[in-house]
Amino acid sequence: MMLRYQNLAKLQTKRIVFEDVLAARDSATLEHLKELSSKRRVIEESINHTSSVTEAIAREMSGGSTSCYQQERLRLEQYLPLLENFISHADFISGNSQMVLWTSQLKIRWSSALSSWSLFNLTGPKFFQIDNLRFELSMNLFLYGAILWERASELLAAEPKQSAFIFREAAGVFHYLAHEVIPSLQPGISGERPPEATPPVCVALCLLCLAESQVRHLFVVLAIVSSQIGLLVLTMLPCDRLCT
């Protein structure tokens, strides 16, 4: 039995409105900032459980999907490329004091599903604030990996082959976090940070996902071998034995 993490995706965040903080020099930039805020808002409302969107509208926004998992995944897949593109542009002026000020004014805050505070809190989640855009990227990617993890776990018994595939996807996300995103974030981190934004946690989750995937794959292989052996035994039985 593999080690299980429960409620990995049980994160919360505070509202960010990019266009209210960052000054846009032209209408195109303003529209990009508004789109960034809009895509983030649907994630905020979903994980904070403050969304007023009906099931019908949510289904329409997700291309007709009725699966909560697919809807959550699509929301992140629409936001993450915009965020990464924004960060790449922000990197060009990262040394600019105005950009540093704007980033701090965004007040990027996320709760943790893995900290000791989340296990024993009586007054609501504790929010960690790190004034770095890569913290925002890290937490959204972690949420993405956590959603994949939970979906794969749901399919363990019913669809082991699909479960193994999704576990491998989750492993890729956690590997990317541990080796690419978080290391670039670390030089700018000061003070306390959530476990989700640390390489050891993401490495551990990556390895667990790979282990789960291998176990599920083994189950699939064993099931196929078992069925083949059963068929072979049947073909070897005399005809009169088959008819009795």
Protein backbone atom coordinates (compact mmCIF):
# COMPACT_ATOMS: atom_id res chain seq x y z
CA MET A 1 0.00 0.00 0.00
CA MET A 2 1.44 3.34 -1.07
CA LEU A 3 1.57 6.36 1.23
CA ARG A 4 -1.44 8.61 0.66
CA TYR A 5 -1.67 12.37 0.95
CA GLN A 6 -5.22 13.56 1.51
CA ASN A 7 -6.60 16.87 0.24
CA LEU A 8 -3.44 17.99 -1.53
CA ALA A 9 -5.53 20.39 -3.59
CA LYS A 10 -7.17 21.95 -0.53
CA LEU A 11 -5.49 25.31 -1.09
CA GLN A 12 -6.90 28.80 -0.86
CA THR A 13 -5.69 32.13 -2.16
CA LYS A 14 -6.47 35.82 -1.88
CA ARG A 15 -7.81 37.90 -4.73
CA ILE A 16 -5.35 39.44 -7.19
CA VAL A 17 -6.38 42.04 -9.76
CA PHE A 18 -3.34 42.65 -11.91
CA GLU A 19 -4.66 45.71 -13.74
CA ASP A 20 -5.40 47.48 -10.45
CA VAL A 21 -1.74 47.31 -9.46
CA LEU A 22 0.35 47.28 -12.62
CA ALA A 23 0.28 50.32 -14.86
CA ALA A 24 -0.45 49.50 -18.50
CA ARG A 25 1.21 51.70 -21.12
CA ASP A 26 -1.24 50.80 -23.86
CA SER A 27 -4.66 49.25 -24.38
CA ALA A 28 -3.24 45.90 -25.51
CA THR A 29 -1.25 45.52 -22.28
CA LEU A 30 -4.31 46.47 -20.27
CA GLU A 31 -6.36 43.78 -21.99
CA HIS A 32 -3.66 41.20 -21.28
CA LEU A 33 -3.69 42.13 -17.59
CA LYS A 34 -7.48 41.95 -17.47
CA GLU A 35 -7.45 38.52 -19.10
CA LEU A 36 -4.85 37.36 -16.59
CA SER A 37 -7.04 38.55 -13.72
CA SER A 38 -10.13 37.00 -15.26
CA LYS A 39 -8.54 33.57 -15.67
CA ARG A 40 -7.19 33.70 -12.13
CA ARG A 41 -10.52 34.78 -10.70
CA VAL A 42 -12.28 31.58 -11.76
CA ILE A 43 -9.54 29.59 -10.00
CA GLU A 44 -9.81 31.77 -6.89
CA GLU A 45 -13.57 31.35 -6.71
CA SER A 46 -13.37 27.62 -7.32
CA ILE A 47 -10.81 26.76 -4.64
CA ASN A 48 -12.17 29.34 -2.18
CA HIS A 49 -15.70 28.00 -2.76
CA THR A 50 -17.04 31.47 -3.49
CA SER A 51 -18.12 30.92 -7.07
CA SER A 52 -21.65 31.89 -8.07
CA VAL A 53 -21.34 30.22 -11.47
CA THR A 54 -24.10 27.70 -12.14
CA GLU A 55 -23.40 24.15 -13.30
CA ALA A 56 -24.74 25.00 -16.76
CA ILE A 57 -22.41 27.98 -17.15
CA ALA A 58 -19.45 26.00 -15.79
CA ARG A 59 -20.18 23.27 -18.31
CA GLU A 60 -20.35 25.80 -21.14
CA MET A 61 -17.08 27.44 -20.03
CA SER A 62 -15.35 24.05 -20.06
CA GLY A 63 -16.48 23.06 -23.53
CA GLY A 64 -19.40 20.95 -22.39
CA SER A 65 -17.59 18.85 -19.79
CA THR A 66 -19.61 17.85 -16.72
CA SER A 67 -16.55 16.52 -14.89
CA CYS A 68 -15.40 18.72 -12.00
CA TYR A 69 -11.90 17.36 -12.52
CA GLN A 70 -11.88 18.37 -16.19
CA GLN A 71 -13.28 21.78 -15.36
CA GLU A 72 -10.62 22.43 -12.71
CA ARG A 73 -7.89 21.20 -15.01
CA LEU A 74 -9.07 23.40 -17.87
CA ARG A 75 -9.15 26.49 -15.65
CA LEU A 76 -5.51 25.99 -14.74
CA GLU A 77 -4.49 25.14 -18.29
CA GLN A 78 -5.99 28.44 -19.44
CA TYR A 79 -4.31 30.50 -16.72
CA LEU A 80 -0.84 28.97 -16.48
CA PRO A 81 0.38 29.84 -20.02
CA LEU A 82 -0.76 33.44 -19.56
CA LEU A 83 1.01 33.62 -16.21
CA GLU A 84 4.25 32.15 -17.55
CA ASN A 85 4.18 34.58 -20.48
CA PHE A 86 3.62 37.48 -18.09
CA ILE A 87 6.52 36.34 -15.90
CA SER A 88 8.84 36.10 -18.90
CA HIS A 89 8.06 39.74 -19.76
CA ALA A 90 8.38 40.82 -16.13
CA ASP A 91 11.84 39.23 -15.97
CA PHE A 92 13.12 41.82 -18.44
CA ILE A 93 12.45 44.56 -15.91
CA SER A 94 12.91 42.52 -12.74
CA GLY A 95 15.63 44.89 -11.55
CA ASN A 96 13.33 47.87 -11.94
CA SER A 97 12.34 49.26 -8.54
CA GLN A 98 8.85 50.01 -9.83
CA MET A 99 8.33 46.37 -10.82
CA VAL A 100 9.51 45.24 -7.40
CA LEU A 101 7.01 47.62 -5.81
CA TRP A 102 4.18 46.45 -8.06
CA THR A 103 4.92 42.81 -7.26
CA SER A 104 4.79 43.50 -3.53
CA GLN A 105 1.51 45.35 -3.99
CA LEU A 106 -0.04 42.31 -5.64
CA LYS A 107 0.18 40.61 -2.22
CA ILE A 108 0.45 37.08 -3.56
CA ARG A 109 -0.97 34.95 -0.76
CA TRP A 110 -1.69 31.24 -0.60
CA SER A 111 -2.64 28.84 2.15
CA SER A 112 -1.05 25.42 2.59
CA ALA A 113 -2.61 21.96 2.68
CA LEU A 114 0.56 20.42 4.14
CA SER A 115 1.68 22.76 6.93
CA SER A 116 1.06 21.88 10.56
CA TRP A 117 -1.15 24.97 10.80
CA SER A 118 -3.58 23.47 8.28
CA LEU A 119 -3.98 20.38 10.49
CA PHE A 120 -4.81 22.15 13.75
CA ASN A 121 -6.13 25.59 12.80
CA LEU A 122 -9.27 26.76 14.52
CA THR A 123 -9.49 30.23 13.02
CA GLY A 124 -9.19 29.48 9.31
CA PRO A 125 -6.22 28.88 7.02
CA LYS A 126 -2.91 30.64 7.43
CA PHE A 127 -1.83 32.55 4.33
CA PHE A 128 1.79 32.77 3.23
CA GLN A 129 2.79 35.90 1.32
CA ILE A 130 5.84 35.92 -0.92
CA ASP A 131 6.41 38.92 -3.15
CA ASN A 132 7.58 36.97 -6.16
CA LEU A 133 5.63 36.10 -9.29
CA ARG A 134 7.21 32.65 -9.32
CA PHE A 135 5.51 31.96 -6.01
CA GLU A 136 2.22 32.45 -7.82
CA LEU A 137 3.42 30.11 -10.57
CA SER A 138 4.63 27.53 -8.05
CA MET A 139 1.37 27.36 -6.15
CA ASN A 140 -0.77 27.14 -9.28
CA LEU A 141 1.44 24.37 -10.65
CA PHE A 142 1.26 22.57 -7.32
CA LEU A 143 -2.53 22.87 -7.44
CA TYR A 144 -2.46 21.42 -10.95
CA GLY A 145 -0.31 18.49 -9.84
CA ALA A 146 -2.52 17.95 -6.79
CA ILE A 147 -5.66 17.81 -8.92
CA LEU A 148 -4.00 15.21 -11.15
CA TRP A 149 -2.93 13.25 -8.06
CA GLU A 150 -6.44 13.21 -6.63
CA ARG A 151 -8.00 12.20 -9.94
CA ALA A 152 -5.51 9.36 -10.38
CA SER A 153 -6.26 8.20 -6.83
CA GLU A 154 -9.99 8.16 -7.59
CA LEU A 155 -9.39 5.85 -10.56
CA LEU A 156 -7.10 3.41 -8.73
CA ALA A 157 -9.56 0.53 -8.55
CA ALA A 158 -11.86 1.15 -11.51
CA GLU A 159 -9.37 2.24 -14.20
CA PRO A 160 -5.80 1.32 -13.22
CA LYS A 161 -4.39 2.00 -16.69
CA GLN A 162 -5.81 5.53 -16.81
CA SER A 163 -4.79 6.04 -13.19
CA ALA A 164 -1.19 5.13 -14.02
CA PHE A 165 -1.16 7.59 -16.93
CA ILE A 166 -2.45 10.47 -14.79
CA PHE A 167 0.02 9.64 -12.00
CA ARG A 168 2.80 10.00 -14.58
CA GLU A 169 1.39 13.37 -15.61
CA ALA A 170 1.37 14.49 -11.97
CA ALA A 171 4.94 13.26 -11.54
CA GLY A 172 6.00 15.45 -14.45
CA VAL A 173 4.40 18.51 -12.87
CA PHE A 174 6.06 17.93 -9.50
CA HIS A 175 9.42 17.24 -11.19
CA TYR A 176 9.16 20.51 -13.12
CA LEU A 177 8.32 22.33 -9.90
CA ALA A 178 11.20 20.81 -7.93
CA HIS A 179 13.89 21.23 -10.56
CA GLU A 180 12.88 24.27 -12.60
CA VAL A 181 10.39 26.59 -10.96
CA ILE A 182 11.15 26.53 -7.23
CA PRO A 183 14.96 26.81 -7.63
CA SER A 184 14.43 30.03 -9.59
CA LEU A 185 12.13 31.25 -6.83
CA GLN A 186 14.39 30.47 -3.88
CA PRO A 187 16.85 33.39 -4.19
CA GLY A 188 13.97 35.82 -3.77
CA ILE A 189 12.34 34.07 -0.82
CA SER A 190 12.64 35.54 2.62
CA GLY A 191 10.75 34.42 5.68
CA GLU A 192 8.34 31.54 6.06
CA ARG A 193 7.04 29.66 3.05
CA PRO A 194 4.55 26.81 2.59
CA PRO A 195 5.82 23.23 2.17
CA GLU A 196 4.30 23.22 -1.32
CA ALA A 197 6.95 25.74 -2.39
CA THR A 198 9.94 23.61 -1.35
CA PRO A 199 11.90 21.18 -3.57
CA PRO A 200 11.96 18.26 -1.08
CA VAL A 201 8.16 18.08 -0.91
CA CYS A 202 7.79 18.21 -4.69
CA VAL A 203 10.54 15.63 -5.20
CA ALA A 204 8.83 13.31 -2.71
CA LEU A 205 5.48 13.70 -4.46
CA CYS A 206 7.09 13.11 -7.84
CA LEU A 207 8.61 9.84 -6.62
CA LEU A 208 5.35 8.76 -5.01
CA CYS A 209 3.47 9.44 -8.24
CA LEU A 210 5.98 7.39 -10.22
CA ALA A 211 5.74 4.55 -7.70
CA GLU A 212 1.94 4.59 -7.87
CA SER A 213 2.10 4.60 -11.66
CA GLN A 214 4.39 1.58 -11.71
CA VAL A 215 2.16 -0.32 -9.30
CA ARG A 216 -0.94 0.42 -11.39
CA HIS A 217 0.90 -0.62 -14.54
CA LEU A 218 1.93 -3.86 -12.84
CA PHE A 219 -1.70 -4.56 -11.91
CA VAL A 220 -2.74 -4.04 -15.53
CA VAL A 221 -0.02 -6.41 -16.75
CA LEU A 222 -0.95 -9.03 -14.16
CA ALA A 223 -4.62 -8.78 -15.15
CA ILE A 224 -3.72 -9.31 -18.81
CA VAL A 225 -1.43 -12.23 -18.00
CA SER A 226 -4.08 -13.77 -15.76
CA SER A 227 -6.72 -13.54 -18.48
CA GLN A 228 -4.34 -15.04 -21.04
CA ILE A 229 -3.53 -17.93 -18.72
CA GLY A 230 -7.23 -18.49 -18.18
CA LEU A 231 -7.84 -18.65 -21.93
CA LEU A 232 -4.88 -20.98 -22.37
CA VAL A 233 -6.23 -23.34 -19.72
CA LEU A 234 -9.62 -23.37 -21.41
CA THR A 235 -8.11 -24.26 -24.78
CA MET A 236 -6.21 -27.14 -23.21
CA LEU A 237 -9.28 -28.72 -21.63
CA PRO A 238 -10.90 -31.63 -23.50
CA CYS A 239 -14.10 -30.77 -25.31
CA ASP A 240 -16.22 -33.04 -23.10
CA ARG A 241 -14.92 -31.24 -20.00
CA LEU A 242 -15.92 -27.89 -21.48
CA CYS A 243 -19.44 -29.10 -22.14
CA THR A 244 -20.07 -30.43 -18.64
